[in-house]
Amino acid sequence: MLTLMPTFTSGTDHPEIDPVIELATMFKENKVPFSMLFTNQMPDLRRLLYQVGLETFSWTNVYDDIQGIHMKSGMPFTIEDLVLPKEAIPYFLGRDVFYFQGSKKVMQAHFHKEGFVYWVERRLPSGEVVKEQYDDRGFVTTRTVT
């Protein structure tokens, strides 16, 4: 069995034009067995595979293996799942919700074009900022503190 390594990146609008995805689609149509290997962080990988009709084929994401995540599917993180700061007032702007306490921004949630929470940035009382990147299964894939 061949292992293909698609070259599209997370957030791409047209994964179907990736030459390796075009090859995978030909393999699918001709019943040639193959698997796919991804080596980058891909928070929306399952959505992109669904978009090109390859969600049922065998794939491995090295980034998931490094983190010890073995689930291929899950429920995306939604606005209802957010833990909000006390007395925060939300302001909706495009695919973002900004939360303020008075004039101070304490949190921002950014949504993927498919509607799930893509990342959340929180300002801690210490002044540090925590940013969490979520994938389309609801997992935190990265957490940075600055």
Foldseek 3Di string as FASTA:
>chain_A
DEEFEFDDAAPDPCSCPTPSLVVVVVCVVVVNAYEYEYEDDHQAVLVVCVVSVNNPHHYDYVLCVVVVNDDSAAAFAAPVNDDDDPPWDWDDDDQKIWTDDVPHTAKMFGARPVHGTQKMWGQDPVRKIWIFGHGRRHDGSDIDID
